PDB file of N, CA and C in Angstrom:
ATOM      1  N   UNK A   1       0.837  -1.176   0.000  1.00  0.00           N
ATOM      2  CA  UNK A   1       0.000   0.000   0.000  1.00  0.00           C
ATOM      3  C   UNK A   1       0.888   1.249   0.000  1.00  0.00           C
ATOM      4  N   UNK A   2       0.467   2.246  -0.734  1.00  0.00           N
ATOM      5  CA  UNK A   2       1.150   3.534  -0.778  1.00  0.00           C
ATOM      6  C   UNK A   2       0.147   4.616  -0.414  1.00  0.00           C
ATOM      7  N   UNK A   3       0.535   5.482   0.506  1.00  0.00           N
ATOM      8  CA  UNK A   3      -0.285   6.651   0.790  1.00  0.00           C
ATOM      9  C   UNK A   3       0.554   7.893   0.521  1.00  0.00           C
ATOM     10  N   UNK A   4      -0.106   8.930   0.057  1.00  0.00           N
ATOM     11  CA  UNK A   4       0.545  10.210  -0.215  1.00  0.00           C
ATOM     12  C   UNK A   4      -0.279  11.295   0.455  1.00  0.00           C
ATOM     13  N   UNK A   5       0.383  12.095   1.263  1.00  0.00           N
ATOM     14  CA  UNK A   5      -0.292  13.139   2.027  1.00  0.00           C
ATOM     15  C   UNK A   5       0.293  14.497   1.656  1.00  0.00           C
ATOM     16  N   UNK A   6      -0.566  15.419   1.232  1.00  0.00           N
ATOM     17  CA  UNK A   6      -0.130  16.781   0.940  1.00  0.00           C
ATOM     18  C   UNK A   6      -0.010  17.545   2.252  1.00  0.00           C
ATOM     19  N   UNK A   7       1.137  18.137   2.497  1.00  0.00           N
ATOM     20  CA  UNK A   7       1.343  18.925   3.711  1.00  0.00           C
ATOM     21  C   UNK A   7       0.775  20.319   3.500  1.00  0.00           C
ATOM     22  N   UNK A   8       0.135  20.843   4.525  1.00  0.00           N
ATOM     23  CA  UNK A   8      -0.489  22.162   4.377  1.00  0.00           C
ATOM     24  C   UNK A   8       0.232  23.250   5.166  1.00  0.00           C
ATOM     25  N   UNK A   9       1.410  22.949   5.695  1.00  0.00           N
ATOM     26  CA  UNK A   9       2.140  23.944   6.476  1.00  0.00           C
ATOM     27  C   UNK A   9       3.383  24.468   5.757  1.00  0.00           C
ATOM     28  N   UNK A  10       3.434  24.285   4.463  1.00  0.00           N
ATOM     29  CA  UNK A  10       4.573  24.739   3.664  1.00  0.00           C
ATOM     30  C   UNK A  10       4.473  26.225   3.352  1.00  0.00           C
ATOM     31  N   UNK A  11       5.622  26.857   3.087  1.00  0.00           N
ATOM     32  CA  UNK A  11       5.575  28.219   2.556  1.00  0.00           C
ATOM     33  C   UNK A  11       4.939  28.197   1.169  1.00  0.00           C
ATOM     34  N   UNK A  12       4.469  29.336   0.689  1.00  0.00           N
ATOM     35  CA  UNK A  12       3.729  29.369  -0.584  1.00  0.00           C
ATOM     36  C   UNK A  12       4.477  28.798  -1.784  1.00  0.00           C
ATOM     37  N   UNK A  13       5.800  28.870  -1.795  1.00  0.00           N
ATOM     38  CA  UNK A  13       6.564  28.404  -2.960  1.00  0.00           C
ATOM     39  C   UNK A  13       6.844  26.903  -2.943  1.00  0.00           C
ATOM     40  N   UNK A  14       6.480  26.221  -1.848  1.00  0.00           N
ATOM     41  CA  UNK A  14       6.827  24.803  -1.716  1.00  0.00           C
ATOM     42  C   UNK A  14       5.579  23.939  -1.542  1.00  0.00           C
ATOM     43  N   UNK A  15       5.595  22.800  -2.212  1.00  0.00           N
ATOM     44  CA  UNK A  15       4.557  21.781  -2.050  1.00  0.00           C
ATOM     45  C   UNK A  15       5.260  20.513  -1.594  1.00  0.00           C
ATOM     46  N   UNK A  16       4.882  20.014  -0.415  1.00  0.00           N
ATOM     47  CA  UNK A  16       5.489  18.797   0.120  1.00  0.00           C
ATOM     48  C   UNK A  16       4.465  17.680   0.117  1.00  0.00           C
ATOM     49  N   UNK A  17       4.898  16.529  -0.375  1.00  0.00           N
ATOM     50  CA  UNK A  17       4.070  15.322  -0.375  1.00  0.00           C
ATOM     51  C   UNK A  17       4.811  14.276   0.446  1.00  0.00           C
ATOM     52  N   UNK A  18       4.172  13.800   1.493  1.00  0.00           N
ATOM     53  CA  UNK A  18       4.763  12.746   2.331  1.00  0.00           C
ATOM     54  C   UNK A  18       4.289  11.392   1.826  1.00  0.00           C
ATOM     55  N   UNK A  19       5.253  10.547   1.507  1.00  0.00           N
ATOM     56  CA  UNK A  19       4.952   9.209   1.001  1.00  0.00           C
ATOM     57  C   UNK A  19       5.138   8.188   2.111  1.00  0.00           C
ATOM     58  N   UNK A  20       4.255   7.203   2.143  1.00  0.00           N
ATOM     59  CA  UNK A  20       4.359   6.131   3.135  1.00  0.00           C
ATOM     60  C   UNK A  20       4.009   4.807   2.474  1.00  0.00           C
ATOM     61  N   UNK A  21       4.886   3.838   2.639  1.00  0.00           N
ATOM     62  CA  UNK A  21       4.593   2.496   2.156  1.00  0.00           C
ATOM     63  C   UNK A  21       5.417   2.109   0.945  1.00  0.00           C
ATOM     64  N   UNK A  22       4.793   1.320   0.096  1.00  0.00           N
ATOM     65  CA  UNK A  22       5.461   0.723  -1.062  1.00  0.00           C
ATOM     66  C   UNK A  22       5.481   1.660  -2.258  1.00  0.00           C
ATOM     67  N   UNK A  23       6.594   1.699  -2.916  1.00  0.00           N
ATOM     68  CA  UNK A  23       6.756   2.445  -4.160  1.00  0.00           C
ATOM     69  C   UNK A  23       7.245   1.418  -5.175  1.00  0.00           C
ATOM     70  N   UNK A  24       6.359   0.427  -5.450  1.00  0.00           N
ATOM     71  CA  UNK A  24       6.770  -0.672  -6.320  1.00  0.00           C
ATOM     72  C   UNK A  24       5.612  -1.211  -7.156  1.00  0.00           C
ATOM     73  N   UNK A  25       5.900  -2.237  -7.947  1.00  0.00           N
ATOM     74  CA  UNK A  25       4.937  -2.769  -8.913  1.00  0.00           C
ATOM     75  C   UNK A  25       3.666  -3.325  -8.274  1.00  0.00           C
ATOM     76  N   UNK A  26       3.710  -3.680  -7.007  1.00  0.00           N
ATOM     77  CA  UNK A  26       2.526  -4.263  -6.365  1.00  0.00           C
ATOM     78  C   UNK A  26       1.418  -3.244  -6.131  1.00  0.00           C
ATOM     79  N   UNK A  27       1.748  -1.965  -6.256  1.00  0.00           N
ATOM     80  CA  UNK A  27       0.755  -0.907  -6.045  1.00  0.00           C
ATOM     81  C   UNK A  27       0.690   0.012  -7.268  1.00  0.00           C
ATOM     82  N   UNK A  28       0.711  -0.580  -8.442  1.00  0.00           N
ATOM     83  CA  UNK A  28       0.768   0.189  -9.694  1.00  0.00           C
ATOM     84  C   UNK A  28      -0.339   1.233  -9.783  1.00  0.00           C
ATOM     85  N   UNK A  29      -1.558   0.878  -9.387  1.00  0.00           N
ATOM     86  CA  UNK A  29      -2.664   1.840  -9.470  1.00  0.00           C
ATOM     87  C   UNK A  29      -2.454   3.006  -8.502  1.00  0.00           C
ATOM     88  N   UNK A  30      -1.836   2.758  -7.362  1.00  0.00           N
ATOM     89  CA  UNK A  30      -1.557   3.834  -6.416  1.00  0.00           C
ATOM     90  C   UNK A  30      -0.416   4.723  -6.910  1.00  0.00           C
ATOM     91  N   UNK A  31       0.522   4.144  -7.647  1.00  0.00           N
ATOM     92  CA  UNK A  31       1.586   4.941  -8.253  1.00  0.00           C
ATOM     93  C   UNK A  31       1.004   5.901  -9.287  1.00  0.00           C
ATOM     94  N   UNK A  32       0.071   5.403 -10.089  1.00  0.00           N
ATOM     95  CA  UNK A  32      -0.596   6.259 -11.079  1.00  0.00           C
ATOM     96  C   UNK A  32      -1.371   7.367 -10.373  1.00  0.00           C
ATOM     97  N   UNK A  33      -2.009   7.036  -9.259  1.00  0.00           N
ATOM     98  CA  UNK A  33      -2.767   8.035  -8.498  1.00  0.00           C
ATOM     99  C   UNK A  33      -1.838   9.104  -7.921  1.00  0.00           C
ATOM    100  N   UNK A  34      -0.615   8.725  -7.566  1.00  0.00           N
ATOM    101  CA  UNK A  34       0.358   9.696  -7.065  1.00  0.00           C
ATOM    102  C   UNK A  34       0.689  10.732  -8.132  1.00  0.00           C
ATOM    103  N   UNK A  35       0.881  10.285  -9.359  1.00  0.00           N
ATOM    104  CA  UNK A  35       1.185  11.211 -10.457  1.00  0.00           C
ATOM    105  C   UNK A  35       0.015  12.172 -10.667  1.00  0.00           C
ATOM    106  N   UNK A  36      -1.201  11.664 -10.608  1.00  0.00           N
ATOM    107  CA  UNK A  36      -2.393  12.510 -10.758  1.00  0.00           C
ATOM    108  C   UNK A  36      -2.484  13.504  -9.601  1.00  0.00           C
ATOM    109  N   UNK A  37      -2.264  13.036  -8.375  1.00  0.00           N
ATOM    110  CA  UNK A  37      -2.314  13.907  -7.199  1.00  0.00           C
ATOM    111  C   UNK A  37      -1.333  15.063  -7.333  1.00  0.00           C
ATOM    112  N   UNK A  38      -0.107  14.749  -7.714  1.00  0.00           N
ATOM    113  CA  UNK A  38       0.915  15.783  -7.873  1.00  0.00           C
ATOM    114  C   UNK A  38       0.533  16.749  -8.990  1.00  0.00           C
ATOM    115  N   UNK A  39       0.054  16.232 -10.107  1.00  0.00           N
ATOM    116  CA  UNK A  39      -0.342  17.085 -11.235  1.00  0.00           C
ATOM    117  C   UNK A  39      -1.444  18.051 -10.833  1.00  0.00           C
ATOM    118  N   UNK A  40      -2.454  17.536 -10.150  1.00  0.00           N
ATOM    119  CA  UNK A  40      -3.574  18.385  -9.730  1.00  0.00           C
ATOM    120  C   UNK A  40      -3.135  19.421  -8.702  1.00  0.00           C
ATOM    121  N   UNK A  41      -2.283  19.012  -7.766  1.00  0.00           N
ATOM    122  CA  UNK A  41      -1.810  19.949  -6.749  1.00  0.00           C
ATOM    123  C   UNK A  41      -0.977  21.065  -7.373  1.00  0.00           C
ATOM    124  N   UNK A  42      -0.119  20.716  -8.327  1.00  0.00           N
ATOM    125  CA  UNK A  42       0.678  21.742  -9.004  1.00  0.00           C
ATOM    126  C   UNK A  42      -0.195  22.661  -9.849  1.00  0.00           C
ATOM    127  N   UNK A  43      -1.214  22.120 -10.478  1.00  0.00           N
ATOM    128  CA  UNK A  43      -2.125  22.945 -11.277  1.00  0.00           C
ATOM    129  C   UNK A  43      -2.885  23.932 -10.392  1.00  0.00           C
ATOM    130  N   UNK A  44      -3.204  23.505  -9.176  1.00  0.00           N
ATOM    131  CA  UNK A  44      -3.935  24.367  -8.240  1.00  0.00           C
ATOM    132  C   UNK A  44      -3.051  25.417  -7.586  1.00  0.00           C
ATOM    133  N   UNK A  45      -1.735  25.226  -7.657  1.00  0.00           N
ATOM    134  CA  UNK A  45      -0.806  26.137  -6.982  1.00  0.00           C
ATOM    135  C   UNK A  45       0.282  26.605  -7.944  1.00  0.00           C
ATOM    136  N   UNK A  46      -0.035  27.542  -8.822  1.00  0.00           N
ATOM    137  CA  UNK A  46       0.950  27.999  -9.809  1.00  0.00           C
ATOM    138  C   UNK A  46       2.153  28.714  -9.192  1.00  0.00           C
ATOM    139  N   UNK A  47       2.074  29.067  -7.909  1.00  0.00           N
ATOM    140  CA  UNK A  47       3.174  29.737  -7.221  1.00  0.00           C
ATOM    141  C   UNK A  47       4.268  28.779  -6.755  1.00  0.00           C
ATOM    142  N   UNK A  48       4.045  27.492  -6.872  1.00  0.00           N
ATOM    143  CA  UNK A  48       4.997  26.498  -6.368  1.00  0.00           C
ATOM    144  C   UNK A  48       6.234  26.429  -7.263  1.00  0.00           C
ATOM    145  N   UNK A  49       7.400  26.581  -6.643  1.00  0.00           N
ATOM    146  CA  UNK A  49       8.666  26.435  -7.374  1.00  0.00           C
ATOM    147  C   UNK A  49       9.462  25.222  -6.891  1.00  0.00           C
ATOM    148  N   UNK A  50       9.044  24.619  -5.773  1.00  0.00           N
ATOM    149  CA  UNK A  50       9.698  23.421  -5.249  1.00  0.00           C
ATOM    150  C   UNK A  50       8.656  22.366  -4.927  1.00  0.00           C
ATOM    151  N   UNK A  51       8.835  21.192  -5.486  1.00  0.00           N
ATOM    152  CA  UNK A  51       8.010  20.035  -5.154  1.00  0.00           C
ATOM    153  C   UNK A  51       8.891  19.085  -4.359  1.00  0.00           C
ATOM    154  N   UNK A  52       8.547  18.892  -3.095  1.00  0.00           N
ATOM    155  CA  UNK A  52       9.336  18.052  -2.204  1.00  0.00           C
ATOM    156  C   UNK A  52       8.578  16.755  -1.951  1.00  0.00           C
ATOM    157  N   UNK A  53       9.230  15.637  -2.238  1.00  0.00           N
ATOM    158  CA  UNK A  53       8.679  14.338  -1.868  1.00  0.00           C
ATOM    159  C   UNK A  53       9.461  13.852  -0.662  1.00  0.00           C
ATOM    160  N   UNK A  54       8.778  13.702   0.457  1.00  0.00           N
ATOM    161  CA  UNK A  54       9.394  13.194   1.676  1.00  0.00           C
ATOM    162  C   UNK A  54       9.268  11.675   1.653  1.00  0.00           C
ATOM    163  N   UNK A  55      10.392  10.998   1.595  1.00  0.00           N
ATOM    164  CA  UNK A  55      10.418   9.544   1.390  1.00  0.00           C
ATOM    165  C   UNK A  55      10.794   8.758   2.640  1.00  0.00           C
ATOM    166  N   UNK A  56      10.815   9.384   3.803  1.00  0.00           N
ATOM    167  CA  UNK A  56      11.269   8.718   5.024  1.00  0.00           C
ATOM    168  C   UNK A  56      10.506   7.436   5.314  1.00  0.00           C
ATOM    169  N   UNK A  57       9.238   7.393   4.967  1.00  0.00           N
ATOM    170  CA  UNK A  57       8.408   6.229   5.284  1.00  0.00           C
ATOM    171  C   UNK A  57       8.184   5.299   4.093  1.00  0.00           C
ATOM    172  N   UNK A  58       9.004   5.442   3.059  1.00  0.00           N
ATOM    173  CA  UNK A  58       8.936   4.512   1.927  1.00  0.00           C
ATOM    174  C   UNK A  58       9.646   3.230   2.352  1.00  0.00           C
ATOM    175  N   UNK A  59       8.929   2.119   2.289  1.00  0.00           N
ATOM    176  CA  UNK A  59       9.481   0.848   2.769  1.00  0.00           C
ATOM    177  C   UNK A  59      10.069  -0.014   1.662  1.00  0.00           C
ATOM    178  N   UNK A  60       9.684   0.246   0.427  1.00  0.00           N
ATOM    179  CA  UNK A  60      10.179  -0.546  -0.702  1.00  0.00           C
ATOM    180  C   UNK A  60      10.094   0.302  -1.962  1.00  0.00           C
ATOM    181  N   UNK A  61      11.067   0.147  -2.845  1.00  0.00           N
ATOM    182  CA  UNK A  61      11.046   0.853  -4.123  1.00  0.00           C
ATOM    183  C   UNK A  61      11.680  -0.049  -5.168  1.00  0.00           C
ATOM    184  N   UNK A  62      11.030  -0.152  -6.327  1.00  0.00           N
ATOM    185  CA  UNK A  62      11.589  -0.917  -7.439  1.00  0.00           C
ATOM    186  C   UNK A  62      11.570  -0.037  -8.685  1.00  0.00           C
ATOM    187  N   UNK A  63      11.799  -0.636  -9.841  1.00  0.00           N
ATOM    188  CA  UNK A  63      11.859   0.154 -11.073  1.00  0.00           C
ATOM    189  C   UNK A  63      10.531   0.812 -11.419  1.00  0.00           C
ATOM    190  N   UNK A  64       9.415   0.221 -11.019  1.00  0.00           N
ATOM    191  CA  UNK A  64       8.116   0.885 -11.222  1.00  0.00           C
ATOM    192  C   UNK A  64       8.040   2.158 -10.380  1.00  0.00           C
ATOM    193  N   UNK A  65       8.577   2.092  -9.178  1.00  0.00           N
ATOM    194  CA  UNK A  65       8.631   3.282  -8.333  1.00  0.00           C
ATOM    195  C   UNK A  65       9.516   4.357  -8.935  1.00  0.00           C
ATOM    196  N   UNK A  66      10.668   3.951  -9.462  1.00  0.00           N
ATOM    197  CA  UNK A  66      11.567   4.906 -10.123  1.00  0.00           C
ATOM    198  C   UNK A  66      10.874   5.531 -11.327  1.00  0.00           C
ATOM    199  N   UNK A  67      10.178   4.721 -12.101  1.00  0.00           N
ATOM    200  CA  UNK A  67       9.439   5.226 -13.258  1.00  0.00           C
ATOM    201  C   UNK A  67       8.398   6.258 -12.826  1.00  0.00           C
ATOM    202  N   UNK A  68       7.734   5.997 -11.716  1.00  0.00           N
ATOM    203  CA  UNK A  68       6.750   6.948 -11.196  1.00  0.00           C
ATOM    204  C   UNK A  68       7.428   8.244 -10.778  1.00  0.00           C
ATOM    205  N   UNK A  69       8.570   8.141 -10.116  1.00  0.00           N
ATOM    206  CA  UNK A  69       9.295   9.348  -9.722  1.00  0.00           C
ATOM    207  C   UNK A  69       9.729  10.149 -10.944  1.00  0.00           C
ATOM    208  N   UNK A  70      10.100   9.475 -12.013  1.00  0.00           N
ATOM    209  CA  UNK A  70      10.443  10.170 -13.260  1.00  0.00           C
ATOM    210  C   UNK A  70       9.216  10.886 -13.811  1.00  0.00           C
ATOM    211  N   UNK A  71       8.059  10.245 -13.761  1.00  0.00           N
ATOM    212  CA  UNK A  71       6.815  10.893 -14.210  1.00  0.00           C
ATOM    213  C   UNK A  71       6.498  12.115 -13.358  1.00  0.00           C
ATOM    214  N   UNK A  72       6.711  11.997 -12.052  1.00  0.00           N
ATOM    215  CA  UNK A  72       6.489  13.138 -11.155  1.00  0.00           C
ATOM    216  C   UNK A  72       7.456  14.260 -11.507  1.00  0.00           C
ATOM    217  N   UNK A  73       8.706  13.923 -11.782  1.00  0.00           N
ATOM    218  CA  UNK A  73       9.689  14.943 -12.173  1.00  0.00           C
ATOM    219  C   UNK A  73       9.234  15.661 -13.446  1.00  0.00           C
ATOM    220  N   UNK A  74       8.727  14.910 -14.408  1.00  0.00           N
ATOM    221  CA  UNK A  74       8.262  15.526 -15.655  1.00  0.00           C
ATOM    222  C   UNK A  74       7.086  16.458 -15.403  1.00  0.00           C
ATOM    223  N   UNK A  75       6.192  16.073 -14.509  1.00  0.00           N
ATOM    224  CA  UNK A  75       5.064  16.953 -14.157  1.00  0.00           C
ATOM    225  C   UNK A  75       5.583  18.221 -13.492  1.00  0.00           C
ATOM    226  N   UNK A  76       6.526  18.050 -12.577  1.00  0.00           N
ATOM    227  CA  UNK A  76       7.105  19.217 -11.909  1.00  0.00           C
ATOM    228  C   UNK A  76       7.743  20.150 -12.931  1.00  0.00           C
ATOM    229  N   UNK A  77       8.506  19.590 -13.864  1.00  0.00           N
ATOM    230  CA  UNK A  77       9.123  20.401 -14.915  1.00  0.00           C
ATOM    231  C   UNK A  77       8.071  21.162 -15.709  1.00  0.00           C
ATOM    232  N   UNK A  78       6.980  20.491 -16.037  1.00  0.00           N
ATOM    233  CA  UNK A  78       5.922  21.116 -16.835  1.00  0.00           C
ATOM    234  C   UNK A  78       5.311  22.315 -16.115  1.00  0.00           C
ATOM    235  N   UNK A  79       5.318  22.283 -14.788  1.00  0.00           N
ATOM    236  CA  UNK A  79       4.755  23.384 -14.006  1.00  0.00           C
ATOM    237  C   UNK A  79       5.826  24.335 -13.480  1.00  0.00           C
ATOM    238  N   UNK A  80       7.058  24.147 -13.910  1.00  0.00           N
ATOM    239  CA  UNK A  80       8.136  25.044 -13.512  1.00  0.00           C
ATOM    240  C   UNK A  80       8.613  24.855 -12.083  1.00  0.00           C
ATOM    241  N   UNK A  81       8.412  23.671 -11.534  1.00  0.00           N
ATOM    242  CA  UNK A  81       8.841  23.388 -10.160  1.00  0.00           C
ATOM    243  C   UNK A  81      10.031  22.435 -10.173  1.00  0.00           C
ATOM    244  N   UNK A  82      10.895  22.594  -9.202  1.00  0.00           N
ATOM    245  CA  UNK A  82      12.062  21.722  -9.044  1.00  0.00           C
ATOM    246  C   UNK A  82      11.693  20.584  -8.102  1.00  0.00           C
ATOM    247  N   UNK A  83      11.981  19.352  -8.490  1.00  0.00           N
ATOM    248  CA  UNK A  83      11.709  18.187  -7.653  1.00  0.00           C
ATOM    249  C   UNK A  83      12.869  17.952  -6.692  1.00  0.00           C
ATOM    250  N   UNK A  84      12.523  17.717  -5.431  1.00  0.00           N
ATOM    251  CA  UNK A  84      13.506  17.398  -4.402  1.00  0.00           C
ATOM    252  C   UNK A  84      13.007  16.164  -3.657  1.00  0.00           C
ATOM    253  N   UNK A  85      13.836  15.135  -3.590  1.00  0.00           N
ATOM    254  CA  UNK A  85      13.514  13.942  -2.797  1.00  0.00           C
ATOM    255  C   UNK A  85      14.226  14.078  -1.460  1.00  0.00           C
ATOM    256  N   UNK A  86      13.461  14.086  -0.384  1.00  0.00           N
ATOM    257  CA  UNK A  86      14.048  14.256   0.949  1.00  0.00           C
ATOM    258  C   UNK A  86      13.865  13.008   1.794  1.00  0.00           C
ATOM    259  N   UNK A  87      14.742  12.880   2.759  1.00  0.00           N
ATOM    260  CA  UNK A  87      14.663  11.821   3.771  1.00  0.00           C
ATOM    261  C   UNK A  87      14.521  10.436   3.145  1.00  0.00           C
ATOM    262  N   UNK A  88      15.402  10.178   2.202  1.00  0.00           N
ATOM    263  CA  UNK A  88      15.346   8.907   1.479  1.00  0.00           C
ATOM    264  C   UNK A  88      15.967   7.784   2.289  1.00  0.00           C
ATOM    265  N   UNK A  89      15.294   6.645   2.381  1.00  0.00           N
ATOM    266  CA  UNK A  89      15.931   5.476   2.991  1.00  0.00           C
ATOM    267  C   UNK A  89      17.135   5.052   2.149  1.00  0.00           C
ATOM    268  N   UNK A  90      18.099   4.427   2.791  1.00  0.00           N
ATOM    269  CA  UNK A  90      19.323   4.007   2.100  1.00  0.00           C
ATOM    270  C   UNK A  90      19.019   3.108   0.913  1.00  0.00           C
ATOM    271  N   UNK A  91      18.028   2.237   1.035  1.00  0.00           N
ATOM    272  CA  UNK A  91      17.711   1.316  -0.077  1.00  0.00           C
ATOM    273  C   UNK A  91      17.204   2.093  -1.296  1.00  0.00           C
ATOM    274  N   UNK A  92      16.497   3.185  -1.057  1.00  0.00           N
ATOM    275  CA  UNK A  92      16.029   4.013  -2.175  1.00  0.00           C
ATOM    276  C   UNK A  92      17.223   4.718  -2.811  1.00  0.00           C
ATOM    277  N   UNK A  93      18.107   5.260  -1.986  1.00  0.00           N
ATOM    278  CA  UNK A  93      19.311   5.908  -2.517  1.00  0.00           C
ATOM    279  C   UNK A  93      20.127   4.952  -3.379  1.00  0.00           C
ATOM    280  N   UNK A  94      20.306   3.734  -2.894  1.00  0.00           N
ATOM    281  CA  UNK A  94      21.090   2.758  -3.663  1.00  0.00           C
ATOM    282  C   UNK A  94      20.463   2.489  -5.028  1.00  0.00           C
ATOM    283  N   UNK A  95      19.144   2.363  -5.069  1.00  0.00           N
ATOM    284  CA  UNK A  95      18.466   2.114  -6.340  1.00  0.00           C
ATOM    285  C   UNK A  95      18.588   3.321  -7.267  1.00  0.00           C
ATOM    286  N   UNK A  96      18.476   4.517  -6.717  1.00  0.00           N
ATOM    287  CA  UNK A  96      18.631   5.725  -7.527  1.00  0.00           C
ATOM    288  C   UNK A  96      20.029   5.789  -8.139  1.00  0.00           C
ATOM    289  N   UNK A  97      21.030   5.451  -7.352  1.00  0.00           N
ATOM    290  CA  UNK A  97      22.409   5.467  -7.855  1.00  0.00           C
ATOM    291  C   UNK A  97      22.603   4.377  -8.899  1.00  0.00           C
ATOM    292  N   UNK A  98      22.134   3.170  -8.610  1.00  0.00           N
ATOM    293  CA  UNK A  98      22.311   2.053  -9.557  1.00  0.00           C
ATOM    294  C   UNK A  98      21.622   2.311 -10.887  1.00  0.00           C
ATOM    295  N   UNK A  99      20.494   3.002 -10.861  1.00  0.00           N
ATOM    296  CA  UNK A  99      19.763   3.263 -12.104  1.00  0.00           C
ATOM    297  C   UNK A  99      20.221   4.545 -12.795  1.00  0.00           C
ATOM    298  N   UNK A 100      21.120   5.290 -12.159  1.00  0.00           N
ATOM    299  CA  UNK A 100      21.609   6.526 -12.756  1.00  0.00           C
ATOM    300  C   UNK A 100      20.596   7.654 -12.744  1.00  0.00           C
ATOM    301  N   UNK A 101      19.608   7.577 -11.865  1.00  0.00           N
ATOM    302  CA  UNK A 101      18.542   8.582 -11.837  1.00  0.00           C
ATOM    303  C   UNK A 101      18.637   9.538 -10.656  1.00  0.00           C
ATOM    304  N   UNK A 102      19.618   9.375  -9.783  1.00  0.00           N
ATOM    305  CA  UNK A 102      19.698  10.183  -8.567  1.00  0.00           C
ATOM    306  C   UNK A 102      19.747  11.680  -8.867  1.00  0.00           C
ATOM    307  N   UNK A 103      20.628  12.093  -9.751  1.00  0.00           N
ATOM    308  CA  UNK A 103      20.749  13.519 -10.061  1.00  0.00           C
ATOM    309  C   UNK A 103      19.487  14.042 -10.736  1.00  0.00           C
ATOM    310  N   UNK A 104      18.970  13.295 -11.687  1.00  0.00           N
ATOM    311  CA  UNK A 104      17.772  13.720 -12.410  1.00  0.00           C
ATOM    312  C   UNK A 104      16.581  13.881 -11.470  1.00  0.00           C
ATOM    313  N   UNK A 105      16.507  13.022 -10.467  1.00  0.00           N
ATOM    314  CA  UNK A 105      15.370  13.057  -9.551  1.00  0.00           C
ATOM    315  C   UNK A 105      15.607  13.935  -8.326  1.00  0.00           C
ATOM    316  N   UNK A 106      16.640  14.748  -8.345  1.00  0.00           N
ATOM    317  CA  UNK A 106      16.850  15.696  -7.258  1.00  0.00           C
ATOM    318  C   UNK A 106      17.274  15.041  -5.959  1.00  0.00           C
ATOM    319  N   UNK A 107      18.038  13.955  -6.051  1.00  0.00           N
ATOM    320  CA  UNK A 107      18.412  13.214  -4.850  1.00  0.00           C
ATOM    321  C   UNK A 107      19.893  13.323  -4.514  1.00  0.00           C
ATOM    322  N   UNK A 108      20.603  14.274  -5.090  1.00  0.00           N
ATOM    323  CA  UNK A 108      22.029  14.415  -4.807  1.00  0.00           C
ATOM    324  C   UNK A 108      22.312  15.677  -4.003  1.00  0.00           C
ATOM    325  N   UNK A 109      21.583  15.876  -2.966  1.00  0.00           N
ATOM    326  CA  UNK A 109      21.759  17.052  -2.126  1.00  0.00           C
ATOM    327  C   UNK A 109      22.511  16.637  -0.872  1.00  0.00           C
ATOM    328  N   UNK A 110      23.770  17.016  -0.788  1.00  0.00           N
ATOM    329  CA  UNK A 110      24.581  16.610   0.360  1.00  0.00           C
ATOM    330  C   UNK A 110      24.041  17.178   1.661  1.00  0.00           C
ATOM    331  N   UNK A 111      23.380  18.316   1.623  1.00  0.00           N
ATOM    332  CA  UNK A 111      22.863  18.930   2.845  1.00  0.00           C
ATOM    333  C   UNK A 111      21.619  18.224   3.367  1.00  0.00           C
ATOM    334  N   UNK A 112      21.028  17.360   2.563  1.00  0.00           N
ATOM    335  CA  UNK A 112      19.832  16.628   2.978  1.00  0.00           C
ATOM    336  C   UNK A 112      20.222  15.220   3.387  1.00  0.00           C
ATOM    337  N   UNK A 113      20.152  14.911   4.680  1.00  0.00           N
ATOM    338  CA  UNK A 113      20.544  13.572   5.111  1.00  0.00           C
ATOM    339  C   UNK A 113      19.561  12.517   4.635  1.00  0.00           C
ATOM    340  N   UNK A 114      20.075  11.338   4.418  1.00  0.00           N
ATOM    341  CA  UNK A 114      19.204  10.213   4.109  1.00  0.00           C
ATOM    342  C   UNK A 114      18.872   9.500   5.403  1.00  0.00           C
ATOM    343  N   UNK A 115      17.798   8.766   5.395  1.00  0.00           N
ATOM    344  CA  UNK A 115      17.425   7.957   6.546  1.00  0.00           C
ATOM    345  C   UNK A 115      18.122   6.624   6.379  1.00  0.00           C
ATOM    346  N   UNK A 116      18.996   6.281   7.284  1.00  0.00           N
ATOM    347  CA  UNK A 116      19.769   5.045   7.160  1.00  0.00           C
ATOM    348  C   UNK A 116      18.993   3.885   7.763  1.00  0.00           C
ATOM    349  N   UNK A 117      18.795   2.873   6.941  1.00  0.00           N
ATOM    350  CA  UNK A 117      18.121   1.658   7.377  1.00  0.00           C
ATOM    351  C   UNK A 117      18.917   0.479   6.860  1.00  0.00           C
ATOM    352  N   UNK A 118      18.847  -0.637   7.550  1.00  0.00           N
ATOM    353  CA  UNK A 118      19.586  -1.816   7.070  1.00  0.00           C
ATOM    354  C   UNK A 118      19.058  -2.334   5.759  1.00  0.00           C
TER     355      UNK A 118
END
């Protein structure tokens, strides 16, 4: 199961989405819903210049999850917002590096610590 929660305490230029659960092929319909949620939220907030995905509670990520993150990045680009992945579990970081998508997906920020998990 994947849940996505829009945070309402952000400054006007930032939209934060907190992700919890699986970011993999077993929840394909929820991954598609995430892309729609982000698209609608960005359309409703033309002032947003930063789209932050908080990944601290992501328990699993596979190539379907990476594909979804790429789709989210494309939506952010279309609305003029920069995608930032925050609080990434180590397993997500490893997959981003192995797939060569870390930089493209805004995950190479040294000032943003990752959540270390075994």
